[in-house]
C-alpha atoms as a PDB file:
ATOM      1  CA  MET A   1       0.009  -0.002  -0.009  1.00  0.00           C
ATOM      2  CA  LEU A   2       1.384   3.354  -1.039  1.00  0.00           C
ATOM      3  CA  ASN A   3       1.622   6.041   1.677  1.00  0.00           C
ATOM      4  CA  TYR A   4       0.140   9.096  -0.039  1.00  0.00           C
ATOM      5  CA  ASP A   5       1.268  11.500   2.695  1.00  0.00           C
ATOM      6  CA  GLU A   6       4.799  10.412   2.091  1.00  0.00           C
ATOM      7  CA  LEU A   7       4.244  10.713  -1.708  1.00  0.00           C
ATOM      8  CA  ASP A   8       3.133  14.285  -1.308  1.00  0.00           C
ATOM      9  CA  VAL A   9       6.317  15.108   0.586  1.00  0.00           C
ATOM     10  CA  GLN A  10       8.441  13.416  -2.158  1.00  0.00           C
ATOM     11  CA  TYR A  11       6.372  15.282  -4.836  1.00  0.00           C
ATOM     12  CA  ASN A  12       7.006  18.677  -3.211  1.00  0.00           C
ATOM     13  CA  SER A  13      10.729  17.982  -3.010  1.00  0.00           C
ATOM     14  CA  ILE A  14      11.156  16.516  -6.560  1.00  0.00           C
ATOM     15  CA  ILE A  15       8.666  18.488  -8.605  1.00  0.00           C
ATOM     16  CA  ASP A  16       9.465  22.269  -8.769  1.00  0.00           C
ATOM     17  CA  ASN A  17       5.852  23.434  -8.919  1.00  0.00           C
ATOM     18  CA  GLU A  18       6.556  27.092  -8.661  1.00  0.00           C
ATOM     19  CA  ALA A  19       8.511  26.829 -11.979  1.00  0.00           C
ATOM     20  CA  LEU A  20       5.883  24.642 -13.609  1.00  0.00           C
ATOM     21  CA  VAL A  21       2.313  25.303 -14.640  1.00  0.00           C
ATOM     22  CA  SER A  22      -0.385  25.274 -11.868  1.00  0.00           C
ATOM     23  CA  ASP A  23      -1.436  21.964 -10.420  1.00  0.00           C
ATOM     24  CA  THR A  24      -5.035  22.152 -11.791  1.00  0.00           C
ATOM     25  CA  LEU A  25      -5.617  22.004 -15.560  1.00  0.00           C
ATOM     26  CA  LYS A  26      -8.192  24.392 -16.935  1.00  0.00           C
ATOM     27  CA  ASP A  27     -10.198  23.994 -20.058  1.00  0.00           C
ATOM     28  CA  TYR A  28      -8.522  24.812 -23.327  1.00  0.00           C
ATOM     29  CA  ASN A  29      -9.889  28.300 -23.795  1.00  0.00           C
ATOM     30  CA  ILE A  30      -8.311  30.547 -26.397  1.00  0.00           C
ATOM     31  CA  VAL A  31      -9.513  34.190 -26.288  1.00  0.00           C
ATOM     32  CA  ASP A  32      -9.495  36.295 -29.522  1.00  0.00           C
ATOM     33  CA  ILE A  33      -9.984  40.081 -29.376  1.00  0.00           C
ATOM     34  CA  SER A  34     -10.475  41.631 -32.844  1.00  0.00           C
ATOM     35  CA  LEU A  35      -8.312  44.662 -33.730  1.00  0.00           C
ATOM     36  CA  ASP A  36      -8.627  47.297 -36.433  1.00  0.00           C
ATOM     37  CA  ASP A  37      -5.727  48.746 -38.325  1.00  0.00           C
ATOM     38  CA  ILE A  38      -5.427  51.796 -36.012  1.00  0.00           C
ATOM     39  CA  GLU A  39      -5.352  49.657 -32.924  1.00  0.00           C
ATOM     40  CA  LEU A  40      -2.803  47.299 -34.473  1.00  0.00           C
ATOM     41  CA  ILE A  41      -0.413  50.043 -35.425  1.00  0.00           C
ATOM     42  CA  ASN A  42      -0.572  51.415 -31.904  1.00  0.00           C
ATOM     43  CA  LEU A  43       0.218  48.020 -30.404  1.00  0.00           C
ATOM     44  CA  LEU A  44       2.989  47.403 -32.842  1.00  0.00           C
ATOM     45  CA  ASN A  45       4.712  50.575 -31.750  1.00  0.00           C
ATOM     46  CA  THR A  46       4.283  49.904 -28.001  1.00  0.00           C
ATOM     47  CA  ASP A  47       3.598  46.467 -26.369  1.00  0.00           C
ATOM     48  CA  TYR A  48       4.531  44.463 -29.548  1.00  0.00           C
ATOM     49  CA  SER A  49       7.358  46.537 -30.803  1.00  0.00           C
ATOM     50  CA  GLU A  50      10.064  43.788 -30.300  1.00  0.00           C
ATOM     51  CA  ALA A  51       8.316  41.166 -32.449  1.00  0.00           C
ATOM     52  CA  PHE A  52       7.450  43.834 -35.058  1.00  0.00           C
ATOM     53  CA  ASP A  53      11.107  44.971 -35.179  1.00  0.00           C
ATOM     54  CA  ARG A  54      12.218  41.327 -35.709  1.00  0.00           C
ATOM     55  CA  ALA A  55       9.621  40.786 -38.500  1.00  0.00           C
ATOM     56  CA  LYS A  56      10.791  44.018 -40.227  1.00  0.00           C
ATOM     57  CA  LYS A  57      14.267  42.470 -40.394  1.00  0.00           C
ATOM     58  CA  GLY A  58      12.833  39.366 -41.960  1.00  0.00           C
ATOM     59  CA  TYR A  59      12.581  37.079 -38.835  1.00  0.00           C
ATOM     60  CA  PHE A  60       8.993  35.914 -38.975  1.00  0.00           C
ATOM     61  CA  ILE A  61       6.833  33.544 -36.881  1.00  0.00           C
ATOM     62  CA  PHE A  62       3.903  31.818 -38.498  1.00  0.00           C
ATOM     63  CA  ARG A  63       0.981  29.608 -37.347  1.00  0.00           C
ATOM     64  CA  GLY A  64      -1.546  27.759 -39.513  1.00  0.00           C
ATOM     65  CA  ASP A  65      -4.889  28.289 -37.749  1.00  0.00           C
ATOM     66  CA  VAL A  66      -8.337  29.749 -38.227  1.00  0.00           C
ATOM     67  CA  ILE A  67      -8.859  33.045 -36.299  1.00  0.00           C
ATOM     68  CA  ASP A  68     -11.965  34.990 -35.621  1.00  0.00           C
ATOM     69  CA  ASP A  69     -11.051  38.052 -37.741  1.00  0.00           C
ATOM     70  CA  ASN A  70      -8.306  39.374 -40.004  1.00  0.00           C
ATOM     71  CA  ILE A  71      -6.332  40.673 -37.073  1.00  0.00           C
ATOM     72  CA  VAL A  72      -6.712  39.460 -33.507  1.00  0.00           C
ATOM     73  CA  ASN A  73      -5.061  39.756 -30.196  1.00  0.00           C
ATOM     74  CA  ARG A  74      -5.024  36.102 -29.000  1.00  0.00           C
ATOM     75  CA  LYS A  75      -4.486  34.774 -25.514  1.00  0.00           C
ATOM     76  CA  PRO A  76      -3.484  31.084 -25.054  1.00  0.00           C
ATOM     77  CA  GLY A  77      -5.450  28.471 -23.090  1.00  0.00           C
ATOM     78  CA  ILE A  78      -4.571  25.000 -21.664  1.00  0.00           C
ATOM     79  CA  ARG A  79      -4.023  22.246 -24.228  1.00  0.00           C
ATOM     80  CA  VAL A  80      -5.353  18.896 -23.209  1.00  0.00           C
ATOM     81  CA  SER A  81      -5.078  17.153 -26.626  1.00  0.00           C
ATOM     82  CA  LEU A  82      -8.672  16.170 -26.801  1.00  0.00           C
ATOM     83  CA  ASN A  83      -8.162  14.559 -30.262  1.00  0.00           C
ATOM     84  CA  ASN A  84      -4.903  12.922 -29.371  1.00  0.00           C
ATOM     85  CA  SER A  85      -4.703   9.842 -27.127  1.00  0.00           C
ATOM     86  CA  TYR A  86      -0.942   9.685 -27.263  1.00  0.00           C
ATOM     87  CA  ASN A  87       0.437  12.975 -25.764  1.00  0.00           C
ATOM     88  CA  TYR A  88       2.187  11.909 -22.674  1.00  0.00           C
ATOM     89  CA  TYR A  89       5.370  13.748 -23.541  1.00  0.00           C
ATOM     90  CA  ASN A  90       3.433  17.046 -23.669  1.00  0.00           C
ATOM     91  CA  ARG A  91       2.360  16.688 -19.974  1.00  0.00           C
ATOM     92  CA  LEU A  92       5.858  15.437 -18.872  1.00  0.00           C
ATOM     93  CA  LEU A  93       7.580  18.452 -20.464  1.00  0.00           C
ATOM     94  CA  SER A  94       4.971  20.944 -19.171  1.00  0.00           C
ATOM     95  CA  ASN A  95       4.459  19.724 -15.676  1.00  0.00           C
ATOM     96  CA  ILE A  96       6.725  16.984 -14.421  1.00  0.00           C
ATOM     97  CA  LEU A  97      10.352  17.091 -15.751  1.00  0.00           C
ATOM     98  CA  ASN A  98      12.433  19.698 -13.976  1.00  0.00           C
ATOM     99  CA  SER A  99      14.959  19.921 -16.918  1.00  0.00           C
ATOM    100  CA  TRP A 100      12.112  21.739 -18.812  1.00  0.00           C
ATOM    101  CA  LYS A 101      11.057  24.170 -16.043  1.00  0.00           C
ATOM    102  CA  HIS A 102      12.618  27.224 -17.698  1.00  0.00           C
ATOM    103  CA  TYR A 103      10.881  26.543 -20.994  1.00  0.00           C
ATOM    104  CA  PRO A 104       7.449  27.854 -21.963  1.00  0.00           C
ATOM    105  CA  LYS A 105       4.907  25.252 -21.004  1.00  0.00           C
ATOM    106  CA  ARG A 106       3.834  23.260 -24.045  1.00  0.00           C
ATOM    107  CA  ASN A 107       0.303  22.622 -22.724  1.00  0.00           C
ATOM    108  CA  GLN A 108      -0.368  26.379 -22.531  1.00  0.00           C
ATOM    109  CA  SER A 109       1.468  27.577 -25.592  1.00  0.00           C
ATOM    110  CA  PHE A 110       0.945  28.509 -29.156  1.00  0.00           C
ATOM    111  CA  ILE A 111       2.828  26.077 -31.247  1.00  0.00           C
ATOM    112  CA  CYS A 112       4.341  27.990 -34.303  1.00  0.00           C
ATOM    113  CA  THR A 113       7.000  27.738 -36.952  1.00  0.00           C
ATOM    114  CA  SER A 114       9.581  29.959 -38.627  1.00  0.00           C
ATOM    115  CA  SER A 115       8.458  28.540 -42.023  1.00  0.00           C
ATOM    116  CA  TYR A 116       5.435  29.894 -44.051  1.00  0.00           C
ATOM    117  CA  GLU A 117       5.359  26.600 -46.098  1.00  0.00           C
ATOM    118  CA  TYR A 118       5.195  24.462 -42.949  1.00  0.00           C
ATOM    119  CA  ALA A 119       2.436  26.592 -41.410  1.00  0.00           C
ATOM    120  CA  ALA A 120       0.439  26.196 -44.687  1.00  0.00           C
ATOM    121  CA  HIS A 121       0.832  22.410 -44.240  1.00  0.00           C
ATOM    122  CA  TRP A 122      -1.491  22.550 -41.117  1.00  0.00           C
ATOM    123  CA  SER A 123      -4.129  25.057 -42.341  1.00  0.00           C
ATOM    124  CA  ASP A 124      -5.399  26.949 -45.346  1.00  0.00           C
ATOM    125  CA  VAL A 125      -5.245  30.081 -43.117  1.00  0.00           C
ATOM    126  CA  VAL A 126      -1.659  31.108 -42.257  1.00  0.00           C
ATOM    127  CA  ASN A 127      -1.088  33.899 -39.756  1.00  0.00           C
ATOM    128  CA  LEU A 128       1.897  36.206 -39.063  1.00  0.00           C
ATOM    129  CA  VAL A 129       2.354  35.844 -35.275  1.00  0.00           C
ATOM    130  CA  LEU A 130       3.786  38.723 -33.140  1.00  0.00           C
ATOM    131  CA  PRO A 131       4.187  37.791 -29.425  1.00  0.00           C
ATOM    132  CA  ILE A 132       4.021  40.506 -26.811  1.00  0.00           C
ATOM    133  CA  ASN A 133       7.305  42.196 -25.623  1.00  0.00           C
ATOM    134  CA  GLY A 134       9.354  40.085 -23.300  1.00  0.00           C
ATOM    135  CA  THR A 135       8.071  36.733 -24.546  1.00  0.00           C
ATOM    136  CA  LYS A 136      10.325  33.723 -24.063  1.00  0.00           C
ATOM    137  CA  LEU A 137      10.368  31.307 -27.005  1.00  0.00           C
ATOM    138  CA  GLY A 138      11.096  27.519 -26.882  1.00  0.00           C
ATOM    139  CA  ILE A 139      12.952  26.572 -30.120  1.00  0.00           C
ATOM    140  CA  CYS A 140      13.246  23.042 -31.451  1.00  0.00           C
ATOM    141  CA  PRO A 141      16.447  21.765 -33.113  1.00  0.00           C
ATOM    142  CA  ARG A 142      14.347  20.639 -36.091  1.00  0.00           C
ATOM    143  CA  TRP A 143      11.276  21.569 -38.002  1.00  0.00           C
ATOM    144  CA  ASP A 144       8.916  19.621 -35.702  1.00  0.00           C
ATOM    145  CA  MET A 145       8.962  18.681 -32.032  1.00  0.00           C
ATOM    146  CA  TRP A 146       8.082  15.081 -32.919  1.00  0.00           C
ATOM    147  CA  ARG A 147      11.368  14.781 -34.912  1.00  0.00           C
ATOM    148  CA  SER A 148      13.570  16.650 -32.487  1.00  0.00           C
ATOM    149  CA  PHE A 149      14.715  13.732 -30.227  1.00  0.00           C
ATOM    150  CA  THR A 150      16.280  11.635 -32.945  1.00  0.00           C
ATOM    151  CA  GLU A 151      19.917  12.463 -32.932  1.00  0.00           C
ATOM    152  CA  HIS A 152      20.668  12.251 -29.199  1.00  0.00           C
ATOM    153  CA  SER A 153      17.915  10.202 -27.680  1.00  0.00           C
ATOM    154  CA  ASP A 154      17.251   7.718 -30.615  1.00  0.00           C
ATOM    155  CA  ILE A 155      13.481   8.555 -30.673  1.00  0.00           C
ATOM    156  CA  GLU A 156      12.621   8.525 -34.265  1.00  0.00           C
ATOM    157  CA  ARG A 157       9.127  10.116 -33.711  1.00  0.00           C
ATOM    158  CA  MET A 158       7.475  11.261 -30.487  1.00  0.00           C
ATOM    159  CA  LEU A 159       4.325   9.532 -31.698  1.00  0.00           C
ATOM    160  CA  TYR A 160       6.060   6.141 -31.353  1.00  0.00           C
ATOM    161  CA  PHE A 161       7.446   7.230 -27.951  1.00  0.00           C
ATOM    162  CA  ASN A 162       3.906   8.107 -26.809  1.00  0.00           C
ATOM    163  CA  ILE A 163       2.579   4.743 -27.996  1.00  0.00           C
ATOM    164  CA  ASP A 164       5.391   2.951 -26.209  1.00  0.00           C
ATOM    165  CA  ILE A 165       4.953   4.742 -22.914  1.00  0.00           C
ATOM    166  CA  SER A 166       1.246   3.963 -22.968  1.00  0.00           C
ATOM    167  CA  LYS A 167       2.049   0.204 -23.488  1.00  0.00           C
ATOM    168  CA  PHE A 168       4.684   0.479 -20.749  1.00  0.00           C
ATOM    169  CA  PHE A 169       2.130   1.805 -18.165  1.00  0.00           C
ATOM    170  CA  SER A 170      -0.548  -0.761 -19.292  1.00  0.00           C
ATOM    171  CA  ILE A 171       1.794  -3.727 -18.919  1.00  0.00           C
ATOM    172  CA  ILE A 172       3.431  -2.775 -15.626  1.00  0.00           C
ATOM    173  CA  ASN A 173       0.078  -1.686 -13.951  1.00  0.00           C
ATOM    174  CA  ASP A 174      -2.125  -4.210 -15.706  1.00  0.00           C
ATOM    175  CA  THR A 175      -4.564  -1.469 -16.778  1.00  0.00           C
ATOM    176  CA  LEU A 176      -6.126  -0.301 -19.975  1.00  0.00           C
ATOM    177  CA  ALA A 177      -4.659   2.681 -21.702  1.00  0.00           C
ATOM    178  CA  ASP A 178      -7.726   4.715 -20.859  1.00  0.00           C
ATOM    179  CA  VAL A 179      -6.727   4.833 -17.290  1.00  0.00           C
ATOM    180  CA  HIS A 180      -3.376   6.584 -17.616  1.00  0.00           C
ATOM    181  CA  ASP A 181      -4.536   8.497 -20.699  1.00  0.00           C
ATOM    182  CA  TYR A 182      -7.191  10.164 -18.536  1.00  0.00           C
ATOM    183  CA  ILE A 183      -4.630  10.813 -15.657  1.00  0.00           C
ATOM    184  CA  PHE A 184      -2.183  12.429 -17.946  1.00  0.00           C
ATOM    185  CA  LYS A 185      -4.788  14.568 -19.696  1.00  0.00           C
ATOM    186  CA  TYR A 186      -7.001  15.849 -16.885  1.00  0.00           C
ATOM    187  CA  GLU A 187      -5.699  15.084 -13.365  1.00  0.00           C
ATOM    188  CA  ASP A 188      -3.503  17.425 -11.391  1.00  0.00           C
ATOM    189  CA  ASN A 189       0.253  17.023 -11.128  1.00  0.00           C
ATOM    190  CA  LYS A 190       0.197  15.133  -7.916  1.00  0.00           C
ATOM    191  CA  GLU A 191      -1.995  12.429  -9.376  1.00  0.00           C
ATOM    192  CA  VAL A 192       0.296  12.086 -12.376  1.00  0.00           C
ATOM    193  CA  TYR A 193       3.222  11.792  -9.971  1.00  0.00           C
ATOM    194  CA  ARG A 194       1.467   9.259  -7.789  1.00  0.00           C
ATOM    195  CA  TYR A 195       0.623   7.223 -10.853  1.00  0.00           C
ATOM    196  CA  ILE A 196       4.289   7.191 -11.910  1.00  0.00           C
ATOM    197  CA  VAL A 197       5.428   6.161  -8.397  1.00  0.00           C
ATOM    198  CA  LYS A 198       2.799   3.393  -8.384  1.00  0.00           C
ATOM    199  CA  THR A 199       4.291   2.135 -11.588  1.00  0.00           C
ATOM    200  CA  GLU A 200       7.808   2.083  -9.962  1.00  0.00           C
ATOM    201  CA  SER A 201       6.424   0.184  -6.989  1.00  0.00           C
ATOM    202  CA  ASN A 202       4.903  -2.428  -9.260  1.00  0.00           C
ATOM    203  CA  ILE A 203       8.230  -2.776 -11.074  1.00  0.00           C
ATOM    204  CA  LYS A 204      10.060  -3.386  -7.789  1.00  0.00           C
ATOM    205  CA  LYS A 205       7.535  -6.282  -6.976  1.00  0.00           C
ATOM    206  CA  LEU A 206       8.600  -8.162 -10.171  1.00  0.00           C
ATOM    207  CA  THR A 207      10.988 -11.125 -10.146  1.00  0.00           C
ATOM    208  CA  GLU A 208      14.153 -10.921 -12.207  1.00  0.00           C
ATOM    209  CA  ASN A 209      12.774 -13.543 -14.630  1.00  0.00           C
ATOM    210  CA  LYS A 210       9.575 -11.413 -15.077  1.00  0.00           C
ATOM    211  CA  VAL A 211      11.704  -8.244 -15.753  1.00  0.00           C
ATOM    212  CA  ASN A 212      13.662 -10.237 -18.416  1.00  0.00           C
ATOM    213  CA  ASP A 213      10.387 -11.504 -19.987  1.00  0.00           C
ATOM    214  CA  LEU A 214       9.047  -7.907 -20.171  1.00  0.00           C
ATOM    215  CA  ILE A 215      12.300  -6.667 -21.760  1.00  0.00           C
ATOM    216  CA  GLU A 216      11.929  -9.424 -24.375  1.00  0.00           C
ATOM    217  CA  TYR A 217       8.408  -8.244 -25.034  1.00  0.00           C
ATOM    218  CA  PHE A 218       9.626  -4.624 -25.292  1.00  0.00           C
ATOM    219  CA  HIS A 219      12.038  -5.600 -28.081  1.00  0.00           C
ATOM    220  CA  ALA A 220       9.367  -7.561 -29.876  1.00  0.00           C
ATOM    221  CA  ASP A 221       6.561  -4.938 -29.712  1.00  0.00           C
ATOM    222  CA  MET A 222       8.007  -1.505 -28.986  1.00  0.00           C
ATOM    223  CA  TYR A 223       9.614   1.119 -31.311  1.00  0.00           C
ATOM    224  CA  ASN A 224      11.869   2.380 -28.439  1.00  0.00           C
ATOM    225  CA  ALA A 225      12.625  -0.853 -26.680  1.00  0.00           C
ATOM    226  CA  ASN A 226      16.207   0.208 -25.521  1.00  0.00           C
ATOM    227  CA  ILE A 227      14.757   3.260 -23.759  1.00  0.00           C
ATOM    228  CA  PHE A 228      12.113   1.112 -21.790  1.00  0.00           C
ATOM    229  CA  GLU A 229      14.637  -1.578 -21.038  1.00  0.00           C
ATOM    230  CA  TYR A 230      16.841   1.162 -19.545  1.00  0.00           C
ATOM    231  CA  ILE A 231      13.872   2.437 -17.430  1.00  0.00           C
ATOM    232  CA  ILE A 232      12.786  -0.920 -16.131  1.00  0.00           C
ATOM    233  CA  ARG A 233      16.276  -2.117 -15.286  1.00  0.00           C
ATOM    234  CA  SER A 234      17.094   1.164 -13.569  1.00  0.00           C
ATOM    235  CA  VAL A 235      13.986   1.166 -11.455  1.00  0.00           C
ATOM    236  CA  TYR A 236      14.182  -2.576 -10.653  1.00  0.00           C
ATOM    237  CA  ASN A 237      17.834  -2.141  -9.593  1.00  0.00           C
ATOM    238  CA  ASP A 238      16.977   0.966  -7.663  1.00  0.00           C
ATOM    239  CA  THR A 239      19.577   3.122  -9.396  1.00  0.00           C
ATOM    240  CA  GLU A 240      17.071   5.575 -11.040  1.00  0.00           C
ATOM    241  CA  THR A 241      13.435   6.596 -10.899  1.00  0.00           C
ATOM    242  CA  ILE A 242      11.117   6.707 -13.904  1.00  0.00           C
ATOM    243  CA  ILE A 243      11.164  10.520 -13.660  1.00  0.00           C
ATOM    244  CA  SER A 244      14.989  10.755 -13.491  1.00  0.00           C
ATOM    245  CA  CYS A 245      15.277   8.417 -16.464  1.00  0.00           C
ATOM    246  CA  LEU A 246      12.812  10.442 -18.563  1.00  0.00           C
ATOM    247  CA  ASP A 247      14.445  13.628 -17.449  1.00  0.00           C
ATOM    248  CA  ASP A 248      17.719  12.271 -18.915  1.00  0.00           C
ATOM    249  CA  ILE A 249      16.181  10.975 -22.043  1.00  0.00           C
ATOM    250  CA  LEU A 250      14.155  14.112 -22.881  1.00  0.00           C
ATOM    251  CA  ASN A 251      16.603  16.620 -21.469  1.00  0.00           C
ATOM    252  CA  PRO A 252      16.288  19.841 -23.636  1.00  0.00           C
ATOM    253  CA  GLU A 253      19.955  20.842 -23.537  1.00  0.00           C
ATOM    254  CA  LYS A 254      21.076  17.329 -24.431  1.00  0.00           C
ATOM    255  CA  ASN A 255      18.689  17.292 -27.385  1.00  0.00           C
ATOM    256  CA  GLU A 256      19.764  20.842 -28.522  1.00  0.00           C
ATOM    257  CA  PHE A 257      16.651  22.744 -27.690  1.00  0.00           C
ATOM    258  CA  ARG A 258      17.061  26.337 -26.661  1.00  0.00           C
ATOM    259  CA  THR A 259      15.168  29.356 -25.465  1.00  0.00           C
ATOM    260  CA  GLU A 260      15.369  32.828 -26.871  1.00  0.00           C
ATOM    261  CA  PHE A 261      13.547  36.046 -26.034  1.00  0.00           C
ATOM    262  CA  ILE A 262      11.520  37.693 -28.802  1.00  0.00           C
ATOM    263  CA  GLU A 263      13.739  40.767 -28.899  1.00  0.00           C
ATOM    264  CA  SER A 264      16.650  38.809 -30.182  1.00  0.00           C
ATOM    265  CA  TYR A 265      14.711  36.203 -32.316  1.00  0.00           C
ATOM    266  CA  SER A 266      16.721  35.580 -35.453  1.00  0.00           C
ATOM    267  CA  ILE A 267      15.569  32.443 -37.330  1.00  0.00           C
ATOM    268  CA  PRO A 268      15.436  33.165 -41.038  1.00  0.00           C
ATOM    269  CA  ILE A 269      12.338  32.254 -43.021  1.00  0.00           C
ATOM    270  CA  ASN A 270      14.192  29.545 -45.010  1.00  0.00           C
ATOM    271  CA  LYS A 271      15.236  27.659 -41.861  1.00  0.00           C
ATOM    272  CA  GLN A 272      12.442  25.520 -40.619  1.00  0.00           C
ATOM    273  CA  ARG A 273      12.078  25.364 -36.856  1.00  0.00           C
ATOM    274  CA  GLU A 274       9.179  24.665 -34.567  1.00  0.00           C
ATOM    275  CA  LEU A 275       8.888  27.118 -31.762  1.00  0.00           C
ATOM    276  CA  TRP A 276       6.397  27.800 -28.968  1.00  0.00           C
ATOM    277  CA  PHE A 277       5.504  30.421 -26.347  1.00  0.00           C
ATOM    278  CA  SER A 278       2.910  30.822 -23.657  1.00  0.00           C
ATOM    279  CA  ASN A 279       2.152  34.558 -23.975  1.00  0.00           C
ATOM    280  CA  GLU A 280      -0.467  36.656 -25.753  1.00  0.00           C
ATOM    281  CA  ALA A 281       0.210  37.564 -29.365  1.00  0.00           C
ATOM    282  CA  ILE A 282      -1.185  39.398 -32.322  1.00  0.00           C
ATOM    283  CA  PHE A 283      -2.321  37.169 -35.153  1.00  0.00           C
ATOM    284  CA  ILE A 284      -2.563  38.700 -38.649  1.00  0.00           C
ATOM    285  CA  ARG A 285      -3.834  36.665 -41.626  1.00  0.00           C
ATOM    286  CA  ILE A 286      -1.324  36.621 -44.366  1.00  0.00           C
ATOM    287  CA  ASP A 287      -3.889  36.652 -47.099  1.00  0.00           C
ATOM    288  CA  TYR A 288      -5.312  39.880 -45.511  1.00  0.00           C
ATOM    289  CA  LEU A 289      -1.778  41.424 -45.687  1.00  0.00           C
ATOM    290  CA  TRP A 290      -1.479  40.555 -49.353  1.00  0.00           C
ATOM    291  CA  ASP A 291      -4.892  41.936 -50.139  1.00  0.00           C
ATOM    292  CA  ASN A 292      -3.804  45.246 -48.612  1.00  0.00           C
ATOM    293  CA  LYS A 293      -0.443  45.694 -50.272  1.00  0.00           C
ATOM    294  CA  ASN A 294      -0.837  49.478 -50.190  1.00  0.00           C
ATOM    295  CA  SER A 295      -1.286  49.589 -46.393  1.00  0.00           C
ATOM    296  CA  ARG A 296       1.256  51.118 -44.035  1.00  0.00           C
ATOM    297  CA  LEU A 297       1.614  47.827 -42.256  1.00  0.00           C
ATOM    298  CA  PHE A 298       2.492  45.947 -45.515  1.00  0.00           C
ATOM    299  CA  SER A 299       5.015  48.563 -46.525  1.00  0.00           C
ATOM    300  CA  GLU A 300       6.673  48.385 -43.061  1.00  0.00           C
ATOM    301  CA  LEU A 301       6.960  44.604 -43.170  1.00  0.00           C
ATOM    302  CA  PHE A 302       7.922  44.077 -46.709  1.00  0.00           C
ATOM    303  CA  LYS A 303       9.719  47.276 -47.834  1.00  0.00           C
END
């Protein structure tokens, strides 16, 4: 039987909650406020001057997404991946792993790109995105987060990692994927932590023969078998925890992620990089800009 009072003490010492997003997940609720051209110009010369200055120098941020008007001031909400059953890494990076605590939280961020073409891959509506002054950006080493752990962590695609971690929890805890899927999507951080510790407890109850049998299964049925062999052996031998293993595997510096403030953003348009941030921003439809080529805004951006 797990002692939850002791787990809460462990949780408070291991998980740096003040640096992570709040314990309780709220609904995904983006707020759009329409702007006219005069309001836009005023904001670009004041609260959004840093992003506007970078855009005028040719360093753009795009997002493919439908917005409520041609120009909006958009505030982010909480992403719970309602249409995606395999998004465990998103919760780990946003709420659990301390190596990511100085990065914008993925589950309350706008996911963007430096590439117009890649933004157009996701939506017929492509927006120029201008984050508010002082915004910190998280920047991937490649064009997509899902492809950014290949070189140093041997994770070909995060989709496969998510599928594997779901299998791992199901096998060790003898539960359906729906159980941990719900916990990782909707429960607070303490419940996620408790579930991970429960998984560790179940690993330590295994016999060595059973551990070897599971490792054989991992290599027969998992994309990232070596990773989960490392995790189960480390926990069984009491040399690492699941969280410390994942913190090592997904460590942002090891995998060449970086942060940068908007005032110094300098990724050229021909260099595809996924980036994200958790602040409000101005979204301007690109087709609206092209339809108004004689406007002051267009001449400022593309002179």
